[in-house]
N, C-alpha and C. Protein backbone atom coordinates (compact mmCIF):
# COMPACT_ATOMS: atom_id res chain seq x y z
N MET A 1 171.76 104.33 67.13
CA MET A 1 171.26 105.24 66.11
C MET A 1 171.94 106.58 66.28
N HIS A 2 172.32 107.19 65.20
CA HIS A 2 173.00 108.48 65.31
C HIS A 2 172.05 109.59 64.89
N SER A 3 172.35 110.79 65.37
CA SER A 3 171.56 111.96 65.02
C SER A 3 171.96 112.43 63.62
N ASN A 4 170.98 112.85 62.87
CA ASN A 4 171.23 113.32 61.52
C ASN A 4 170.52 114.66 61.35
N ALA A 5 171.28 115.72 61.26
CA ALA A 5 170.69 117.05 61.17
C ALA A 5 169.84 117.22 59.92
N GLN A 6 170.07 116.40 58.91
CA GLN A 6 169.30 116.51 57.67
C GLN A 6 168.01 115.68 57.71
N GLY A 7 167.73 115.03 58.82
CA GLY A 7 166.54 114.20 58.93
C GLY A 7 166.91 112.74 59.06
N PRO A 8 165.91 111.87 59.09
CA PRO A 8 166.19 110.46 59.31
C PRO A 8 166.85 109.81 58.09
N THR A 9 167.61 108.75 58.37
CA THR A 9 168.17 107.97 57.27
C THR A 9 167.03 107.20 56.61
N ARG A 10 167.31 106.60 55.44
CA ARG A 10 166.28 105.78 54.78
C ARG A 10 165.81 104.67 55.69
N ARG A 11 166.72 104.01 56.41
CA ARG A 11 166.33 102.90 57.28
C ARG A 11 165.46 103.41 58.43
N GLN A 12 165.84 104.55 59.06
CA GLN A 12 165.03 105.11 60.13
C GLN A 12 163.65 105.49 59.61
N PHE A 13 163.61 106.10 58.43
CA PHE A 13 162.35 106.50 57.84
C PHE A 13 161.48 105.29 57.54
N ALA A 14 162.07 104.27 56.92
CA ALA A 14 161.32 103.05 56.58
C ALA A 14 160.80 102.40 57.85
N GLY A 15 161.61 102.37 58.90
CA GLY A 15 161.20 101.75 60.14
C GLY A 15 160.05 102.47 60.82
N SER A 16 159.88 103.76 60.51
CA SER A 16 158.82 104.51 61.18
C SER A 16 157.43 104.18 60.66
N PHE A 17 157.33 103.54 59.50
CA PHE A 17 156.00 103.20 59.00
C PHE A 17 155.90 101.76 58.52
N ALA A 18 156.89 100.97 58.82
CA ALA A 18 156.89 99.60 58.31
C ALA A 18 156.81 98.59 59.43
N VAL A 19 156.44 97.35 59.06
CA VAL A 19 156.27 96.30 60.06
C VAL A 19 156.63 94.95 59.48
N ALA A 20 156.97 94.01 60.32
CA ALA A 20 157.19 92.60 60.00
C ALA A 20 157.89 92.33 58.69
N VAL A 21 158.32 91.15 58.51
CA VAL A 21 159.10 90.69 57.37
C VAL A 21 160.09 91.77 56.95
N GLY A 22 161.02 92.03 57.82
CA GLY A 22 162.09 92.98 57.51
C GLY A 22 161.61 94.41 57.47
N GLY A 23 160.56 94.74 58.22
CA GLY A 23 160.08 96.11 58.23
C GLY A 23 159.12 96.40 57.10
N LEU A 24 158.50 95.38 56.58
CA LEU A 24 157.59 95.49 55.46
C LEU A 24 156.29 96.19 55.85
N ALA A 25 155.74 97.00 54.98
CA ALA A 25 154.45 97.62 55.22
C ALA A 25 153.38 96.69 54.67
N PHE A 26 152.54 96.18 55.54
CA PHE A 26 151.46 95.29 55.12
C PHE A 26 150.14 96.01 55.25
N PRO A 27 149.04 95.36 54.90
CA PRO A 27 147.77 96.07 54.83
C PRO A 27 147.44 96.92 56.05
N SER A 28 147.73 96.43 57.27
CA SER A 28 147.41 97.23 58.44
C SER A 28 148.19 98.55 58.43
N ALA A 29 149.44 98.52 57.98
CA ALA A 29 150.22 99.75 57.91
C ALA A 29 149.67 100.66 56.82
N LEU A 30 149.19 100.05 55.74
CA LEU A 30 148.66 100.82 54.64
C LEU A 30 147.34 101.50 55.01
N HIS A 31 146.67 100.97 56.03
CA HIS A 31 145.40 101.55 56.46
C HIS A 31 145.56 102.45 57.68
N GLY A 32 146.79 102.84 57.99
CA GLY A 32 147.03 103.84 59.02
C GLY A 32 147.04 103.33 60.44
N GLU A 33 147.02 102.01 60.68
CA GLU A 33 147.07 101.52 62.04
C GLU A 33 148.46 101.73 62.62
N GLN A 34 148.52 101.93 63.91
CA GLN A 34 149.80 102.09 64.59
C GLN A 34 150.58 100.78 64.51
N GLN A 35 151.85 100.87 64.14
CA GLN A 35 152.69 99.68 63.99
C GLN A 35 153.76 99.68 65.06
N PRO A 36 154.18 98.46 65.47
CA PRO A 36 155.27 98.40 66.45
C PRO A 36 156.55 98.97 65.85
N GLN A 37 157.30 99.64 66.67
CA GLN A 37 158.54 100.24 66.21
C GLN A 37 159.69 99.29 66.47
N PRO A 38 160.69 99.28 65.58
CA PRO A 38 161.85 98.43 65.83
C PRO A 38 162.53 98.83 67.13
N THR A 39 163.05 97.84 67.83
CA THR A 39 163.78 98.14 69.05
C THR A 39 165.25 97.90 68.82
N ASN A 40 166.05 98.61 69.53
CA ASN A 40 167.49 98.42 69.44
C ASN A 40 167.90 97.52 70.60
N SER A 41 167.53 96.23 70.49
CA SER A 41 167.73 95.29 71.58
C SER A 41 169.14 94.72 71.62
N GLY A 42 169.98 95.10 70.67
CA GLY A 42 171.32 94.56 70.62
C GLY A 42 171.36 93.18 69.98
N ASP A 43 170.26 92.75 69.38
CA ASP A 43 170.19 91.45 68.73
C ASP A 43 171.08 91.46 67.49
N THR A 44 172.05 90.57 67.47
CA THR A 44 172.98 90.53 66.35
C THR A 44 172.74 89.33 65.43
N ARG A 45 171.63 88.60 65.64
CA ARG A 45 171.36 87.43 64.81
C ARG A 45 171.07 87.85 63.36
N THR A 46 171.65 87.12 62.42
CA THR A 46 171.44 87.40 61.00
C THR A 46 170.95 86.16 60.26
N ALA A 47 170.44 85.19 61.02
CA ALA A 47 169.88 83.97 60.43
C ALA A 47 168.75 83.48 61.32
N LEU A 48 167.77 82.84 60.70
CA LEU A 48 166.70 82.22 61.47
C LEU A 48 166.33 80.89 60.85
N HIS A 49 165.79 80.02 61.68
CA HIS A 49 165.37 78.68 61.27
C HIS A 49 163.98 78.44 61.84
N GLN A 50 163.05 78.04 60.99
CA GLN A 50 161.69 77.73 61.44
C GLN A 50 161.24 76.44 60.76
N GLU A 51 160.43 75.66 61.49
CA GLU A 51 159.83 74.45 60.94
C GLU A 51 158.35 74.51 61.21
N VAL A 52 157.56 74.33 60.14
CA VAL A 52 156.11 74.47 60.25
C VAL A 52 155.44 73.29 59.55
N GLU A 53 154.50 72.67 60.24
CA GLU A 53 153.70 71.58 59.66
C GLU A 53 152.50 72.19 58.94
N LEU A 54 152.36 71.82 57.66
CA LEU A 54 151.21 72.27 56.88
C LEU A 54 150.46 71.04 56.38
N ALA A 55 149.13 71.14 56.28
CA ALA A 55 148.31 70.02 55.82
C ALA A 55 148.46 69.76 54.32
N ALA A 56 148.89 70.76 53.58
CA ALA A 56 148.98 70.65 52.12
C ALA A 56 150.20 69.83 51.70
N SER A 57 150.15 69.34 50.47
CA SER A 57 151.28 68.60 49.90
C SER A 57 152.41 69.57 49.54
N ALA A 58 153.60 69.02 49.39
CA ALA A 58 154.75 69.84 48.99
C ALA A 58 154.49 70.52 47.66
N SER A 59 153.88 69.80 46.71
CA SER A 59 153.62 70.42 45.40
C SER A 59 152.61 71.55 45.51
N ARG A 60 151.64 71.42 46.40
CA ARG A 60 150.65 72.49 46.60
C ARG A 60 151.31 73.72 47.21
N ILE A 61 152.18 73.52 48.18
CA ILE A 61 152.88 74.63 48.83
C ILE A 61 153.82 75.30 47.84
N GLU A 62 154.56 74.48 47.09
CA GLU A 62 155.47 75.01 46.07
C GLU A 62 154.71 75.86 45.06
N SER A 63 153.55 75.39 44.63
CA SER A 63 152.74 76.16 43.68
C SER A 63 152.31 77.50 44.28
N ALA A 64 151.92 77.49 45.55
CA ALA A 64 151.49 78.73 46.20
C ALA A 64 152.64 79.73 46.29
N LEU A 65 153.87 79.23 46.45
CA LEU A 65 155.03 80.11 46.57
C LEU A 65 155.56 80.60 45.23
N LEU A 66 155.30 79.84 44.15
CA LEU A 66 155.89 80.17 42.86
C LEU A 66 154.90 80.65 41.80
N ASP A 67 153.62 80.63 42.09
CA ASP A 67 152.60 81.09 41.14
C ASP A 67 152.06 82.42 41.63
N ALA A 68 152.16 83.45 40.81
CA ALA A 68 151.79 84.81 41.22
C ALA A 68 150.34 84.91 41.68
N LYS A 69 149.42 84.27 40.97
CA LYS A 69 148.01 84.35 41.36
C LYS A 69 147.76 83.67 42.70
N GLN A 70 148.37 82.50 42.89
CA GLN A 70 148.19 81.81 44.16
C GLN A 70 148.85 82.56 45.31
N PHE A 71 150.03 83.13 45.06
CA PHE A 71 150.72 83.90 46.09
C PHE A 71 149.86 85.10 46.50
N ALA A 72 149.35 85.81 45.51
CA ALA A 72 148.50 86.97 45.79
C ALA A 72 147.24 86.55 46.56
N ALA A 73 146.70 85.38 46.22
CA ALA A 73 145.49 84.91 46.90
C ALA A 73 145.76 84.64 48.38
N PHE A 74 146.87 83.98 48.71
CA PHE A 74 147.09 83.68 50.14
C PHE A 74 147.64 84.88 50.89
N SER A 75 148.38 85.77 50.22
CA SER A 75 149.00 86.90 50.91
C SER A 75 148.10 88.13 50.97
N GLY A 76 147.17 88.23 50.04
CA GLY A 76 146.30 89.38 50.00
C GLY A 76 146.89 90.59 49.29
N LEU A 77 148.09 90.45 48.72
CA LEU A 77 148.74 91.55 48.01
C LEU A 77 149.30 91.06 46.68
N ALA A 78 149.44 91.96 45.73
CA ALA A 78 149.89 91.61 44.39
C ALA A 78 151.27 90.97 44.38
N ALA A 79 151.45 90.06 43.41
CA ALA A 79 152.74 89.40 43.23
C ALA A 79 152.99 89.18 41.75
N THR A 80 154.24 89.27 41.34
CA THR A 80 154.66 88.83 40.01
C THR A 80 155.82 87.88 40.25
N ILE A 81 155.73 86.70 39.62
CA ILE A 81 156.73 85.67 39.87
C ILE A 81 157.05 84.95 38.57
N ASP A 82 158.33 84.92 38.23
CA ASP A 82 158.82 84.06 37.15
C ASP A 82 159.26 82.78 37.87
N PRO A 83 158.51 81.68 37.70
CA PRO A 83 158.72 80.49 38.53
C PRO A 83 159.89 79.59 38.11
N ARG A 84 160.84 80.12 37.37
CA ARG A 84 161.99 79.33 36.93
C ARG A 84 163.23 79.71 37.73
N GLU A 85 164.23 78.82 37.72
CA GLU A 85 165.51 79.18 38.31
C GLU A 85 166.04 80.41 37.58
N GLY A 86 166.48 81.40 38.33
CA GLY A 86 166.94 82.65 37.75
C GLY A 86 165.83 83.66 37.56
N GLY A 87 164.58 83.21 37.71
CA GLY A 87 163.44 84.10 37.51
C GLY A 87 163.28 85.09 38.66
N ALA A 88 162.89 86.31 38.30
CA ALA A 88 162.69 87.38 39.28
C ALA A 88 161.29 87.30 39.88
N PHE A 89 161.16 87.82 41.09
CA PHE A 89 159.84 87.92 41.72
C PHE A 89 159.72 89.24 42.44
N SER A 90 158.47 89.66 42.60
CA SER A 90 158.10 90.84 43.37
C SER A 90 156.87 90.43 44.17
N LEU A 91 156.95 90.51 45.50
CA LEU A 91 155.90 90.00 46.37
C LEU A 91 155.32 91.10 47.25
N PHE A 92 154.14 90.84 47.78
CA PHE A 92 153.50 91.76 48.71
C PHE A 92 153.41 93.17 48.14
N GLY A 93 152.93 93.27 46.90
CA GLY A 93 152.76 94.57 46.27
C GLY A 93 154.07 95.27 45.97
N GLY A 94 155.16 94.52 45.80
CA GLY A 94 156.45 95.11 45.46
C GLY A 94 157.34 95.39 46.66
N LEU A 95 156.94 94.98 47.85
CA LEU A 95 157.73 95.26 49.05
C LEU A 95 158.88 94.29 49.24
N ILE A 96 158.78 93.10 48.63
CA ILE A 96 159.85 92.11 48.66
C ILE A 96 160.19 91.78 47.21
N VAL A 97 161.47 91.75 46.88
CA VAL A 97 161.90 91.40 45.52
C VAL A 97 163.06 90.42 45.61
N GLY A 98 163.30 89.73 44.49
CA GLY A 98 164.43 88.82 44.47
C GLY A 98 164.43 87.94 43.25
N ARG A 99 165.19 86.83 43.35
CA ARG A 99 165.30 85.86 42.27
C ARG A 99 165.29 84.45 42.85
N ASN A 100 164.74 83.54 42.07
CA ASN A 100 164.80 82.12 42.42
C ASN A 100 166.18 81.61 42.03
N ILE A 101 166.92 81.13 42.99
CA ILE A 101 168.27 80.63 42.76
C ILE A 101 168.23 79.15 42.36
N GLU A 102 167.45 78.37 43.10
CA GLU A 102 167.37 76.94 42.85
C GLU A 102 165.95 76.47 43.13
N ILE A 103 165.44 75.62 42.25
CA ILE A 103 164.13 75.01 42.46
C ILE A 103 164.29 73.52 42.16
N VAL A 104 164.08 72.70 43.18
CA VAL A 104 164.07 71.25 43.02
C VAL A 104 162.65 70.83 43.38
N SER A 105 161.85 70.57 42.38
CA SER A 105 160.43 70.34 42.55
C SER A 105 160.14 69.31 43.65
N GLY A 106 159.26 69.72 44.57
CA GLY A 106 158.85 68.87 45.67
C GLY A 106 159.85 68.77 46.80
N GLN A 107 161.03 69.38 46.64
CA GLN A 107 162.07 69.27 47.68
C GLN A 107 162.50 70.60 48.27
N ARG A 108 162.80 71.59 47.41
CA ARG A 108 163.27 72.87 47.96
C ARG A 108 163.16 74.00 46.93
N ILE A 109 163.10 75.20 47.50
CA ILE A 109 163.18 76.45 46.75
C ILE A 109 164.20 77.31 47.47
N VAL A 110 165.17 77.85 46.73
CA VAL A 110 166.16 78.75 47.32
C VAL A 110 166.06 80.07 46.57
N GLN A 111 165.98 81.16 47.34
CA GLN A 111 165.78 82.48 46.74
C GLN A 111 166.77 83.51 47.30
N ALA A 112 167.19 84.43 46.44
CA ALA A 112 167.84 85.67 46.87
C ALA A 112 166.68 86.62 47.14
N TRP A 113 166.60 87.18 48.33
CA TRP A 113 165.36 87.79 48.83
C TRP A 113 165.70 89.08 49.57
N ARG A 114 164.92 90.14 49.29
CA ARG A 114 165.18 91.40 50.00
C ARG A 114 163.94 92.28 50.06
N PRO A 115 163.69 92.90 51.20
CA PRO A 115 162.71 93.99 51.24
C PRO A 115 163.31 95.18 50.49
N THR A 116 162.49 95.93 49.80
CA THR A 116 163.00 97.02 48.97
C THR A 116 163.53 98.20 49.79
N HIS A 117 163.27 98.24 51.10
CA HIS A 117 163.83 99.34 51.90
C HIS A 117 165.26 99.06 52.36
N TRP A 118 165.76 97.82 52.18
CA TRP A 118 167.16 97.56 52.51
C TRP A 118 168.06 98.34 51.57
N ASP A 119 169.29 98.55 51.98
CA ASP A 119 170.25 99.24 51.12
C ASP A 119 170.37 98.52 49.78
N PRO A 120 170.56 99.25 48.69
CA PRO A 120 170.70 98.62 47.37
C PRO A 120 171.77 97.54 47.38
N GLY A 121 171.47 96.43 46.73
CA GLY A 121 172.42 95.34 46.62
C GLY A 121 172.47 94.39 47.80
N VAL A 122 171.75 94.70 48.88
CA VAL A 122 171.74 93.83 50.06
C VAL A 122 170.65 92.78 49.88
N TYR A 123 171.05 91.52 49.81
CA TYR A 123 170.12 90.41 49.67
C TYR A 123 170.39 89.40 50.78
N SER A 124 169.35 88.69 51.17
CA SER A 124 169.49 87.55 52.07
C SER A 124 169.18 86.30 51.25
N VAL A 125 169.38 85.14 51.85
CA VAL A 125 169.05 83.88 51.19
C VAL A 125 167.95 83.20 51.98
N VAL A 126 166.89 82.83 51.26
CA VAL A 126 165.76 82.12 51.84
C VAL A 126 165.70 80.74 51.22
N LYS A 127 165.67 79.72 52.08
CA LYS A 127 165.56 78.34 51.61
C LYS A 127 164.35 77.69 52.24
N PHE A 128 163.43 77.25 51.40
CA PHE A 128 162.28 76.46 51.84
C PHE A 128 162.60 75.00 51.49
N ALA A 129 162.61 74.10 52.47
CA ALA A 129 162.77 72.68 52.21
C ALA A 129 161.46 71.99 52.58
N PHE A 130 161.05 71.04 51.77
CA PHE A 130 159.77 70.35 51.97
C PHE A 130 160.04 68.89 52.32
N LYS A 131 159.46 68.44 53.44
CA LYS A 131 159.63 67.05 53.88
C LYS A 131 158.26 66.46 54.17
N PRO A 132 157.97 65.26 53.63
CA PRO A 132 156.69 64.63 53.93
C PRO A 132 156.52 64.45 55.44
N SER A 133 155.30 64.68 55.91
CA SER A 133 154.99 64.54 57.33
C SER A 133 153.55 64.09 57.46
N GLY A 134 153.34 62.81 57.71
CA GLY A 134 151.99 62.29 57.77
C GLY A 134 151.31 62.52 56.44
N SER A 135 150.12 63.12 56.47
CA SER A 135 149.41 63.42 55.23
C SER A 135 149.74 64.81 54.69
N GLY A 136 150.63 65.53 55.38
CA GLY A 136 150.98 66.88 54.96
C GLY A 136 152.46 67.03 54.70
N THR A 137 152.96 68.23 55.01
CA THR A 137 154.35 68.58 54.70
C THR A 137 154.95 69.38 55.85
N LEU A 138 156.19 69.03 56.18
CA LEU A 138 156.97 69.85 57.10
C LEU A 138 157.76 70.82 56.21
N VAL A 139 157.54 72.12 56.41
CA VAL A 139 158.30 73.13 55.68
C VAL A 139 159.40 73.61 56.62
N VAL A 140 160.64 73.49 56.16
CA VAL A 140 161.79 73.94 56.93
C VAL A 140 162.32 75.20 56.25
N LEU A 141 162.29 76.29 56.98
CA LEU A 141 162.77 77.58 56.46
C LEU A 141 164.11 77.91 57.09
N ASP A 142 165.08 78.23 56.25
CA ASP A 142 166.33 78.81 56.71
C ASP A 142 166.49 80.13 55.98
N HIS A 143 166.52 81.21 56.74
CA HIS A 143 166.65 82.56 56.19
C HIS A 143 167.95 83.11 56.75
N THR A 144 168.92 83.37 55.87
CA THR A 144 170.26 83.77 56.32
C THR A 144 170.73 85.03 55.62
N GLY A 145 171.66 85.71 56.28
CA GLY A 145 172.33 86.85 55.66
C GLY A 145 171.56 88.15 55.68
N PHE A 146 170.61 88.29 56.59
CA PHE A 146 169.88 89.56 56.66
C PHE A 146 170.59 90.51 57.63
N PRO A 147 170.30 91.80 57.53
CA PRO A 147 170.99 92.79 58.38
C PRO A 147 170.74 92.59 59.88
N VAL A 148 171.75 92.89 60.66
CA VAL A 148 171.63 92.87 62.12
C VAL A 148 170.46 93.77 62.52
N GLY A 149 169.66 93.29 63.46
CA GLY A 149 168.53 94.07 63.96
C GLY A 149 167.21 93.71 63.31
N ASP A 150 167.22 92.89 62.25
CA ASP A 150 165.97 92.54 61.57
C ASP A 150 165.39 91.20 62.01
N TYR A 151 166.06 90.49 62.91
CA TYR A 151 165.62 89.14 63.29
C TYR A 151 164.17 89.12 63.78
N ASP A 152 163.83 89.94 64.75
CA ASP A 152 162.49 89.90 65.34
C ASP A 152 161.40 90.15 64.30
N HIS A 153 161.60 91.16 63.45
CA HIS A 153 160.61 91.48 62.42
C HIS A 153 160.46 90.33 61.43
N LEU A 154 161.58 89.78 61.00
CA LEU A 154 161.52 88.69 60.04
C LEU A 154 160.91 87.45 60.65
N SER A 155 161.32 87.11 61.85
CA SER A 155 160.82 85.90 62.50
C SER A 155 159.30 85.96 62.66
N SER A 156 158.79 87.04 63.18
CA SER A 156 157.33 87.16 63.35
C SER A 156 156.64 87.32 62.00
N GLY A 157 157.31 87.97 61.05
CA GLY A 157 156.72 88.17 59.73
C GLY A 157 156.51 86.87 58.97
N TRP A 158 157.44 85.92 59.10
CA TRP A 158 157.24 84.63 58.43
C TRP A 158 155.97 83.96 58.94
N TYR A 159 155.75 84.02 60.24
CA TYR A 159 154.53 83.41 60.79
C TYR A 159 153.28 84.15 60.32
N ALA A 160 153.29 85.45 60.44
CA ALA A 160 152.09 86.22 60.11
C ALA A 160 151.75 86.24 58.63
N HIS A 161 152.78 86.30 57.77
CA HIS A 161 152.53 86.55 56.35
C HIS A 161 152.77 85.35 55.45
N TYR A 162 153.32 84.29 56.00
CA TYR A 162 153.50 83.05 55.24
C TYR A 162 152.78 81.88 55.92
N TRP A 163 153.23 81.50 57.13
CA TRP A 163 152.75 80.26 57.73
C TRP A 163 151.28 80.28 58.07
N GLU A 164 150.80 81.32 58.70
CA GLU A 164 149.37 81.35 59.04
C GLU A 164 148.49 81.31 57.79
N PRO A 165 148.75 82.13 56.76
CA PRO A 165 147.93 82.03 55.54
C PRO A 165 148.09 80.68 54.83
N LEU A 166 149.29 80.12 54.81
CA LEU A 166 149.50 78.84 54.12
C LEU A 166 148.84 77.68 54.86
N LYS A 167 148.59 77.83 56.16
CA LYS A 167 147.88 76.78 56.90
C LYS A 167 146.46 76.60 56.37
N LYS A 168 145.95 77.59 55.67
CA LYS A 168 144.58 77.53 55.13
C LYS A 168 144.52 76.88 53.75
N LEU A 169 145.67 76.53 53.18
CA LEU A 169 145.67 75.88 51.87
C LEU A 169 145.00 74.53 51.96
N PRO A 170 144.20 74.20 50.95
CA PRO A 170 143.63 72.84 50.94
C PRO A 170 144.73 71.84 50.63
N ALA A 171 144.56 70.65 51.19
CA ALA A 171 145.53 69.57 50.94
C ALA A 171 145.51 69.23 49.48
């Protein structure tokens, strides 16, 4: 990090009050709780892979991810989602924005995805793949192309803000 006589950069400023999912401000941050600060651990990873077993069907999970009312219900924050390929979305009260690149019903969703505090024009790619697993679904997440230093926040954010709430979906 470099010194800036004019004050912090946008990224430094955003990091001072943001948490998880790429430095996103979630309800705890909005209510003034102390948030963990990003560390400069030298982590250069720009991709992550997670696999999560959910009791719900692939179509139920897909609906939760692509329907604004259902997304808002599981996330606890407002969402607007155009559920078509090419459709724009705004999630977590406008903190994450992007577009649906590809939707293959029951199989995968691919999105251009970005927290709004990232530099303009910087997008990552998020791919959700759905695989039958017993009576539920294995969700395979591949999140690629995010800025160096965001791995830890994104990795823990997917668990806290997607997987844990989605585990509560009815089958």
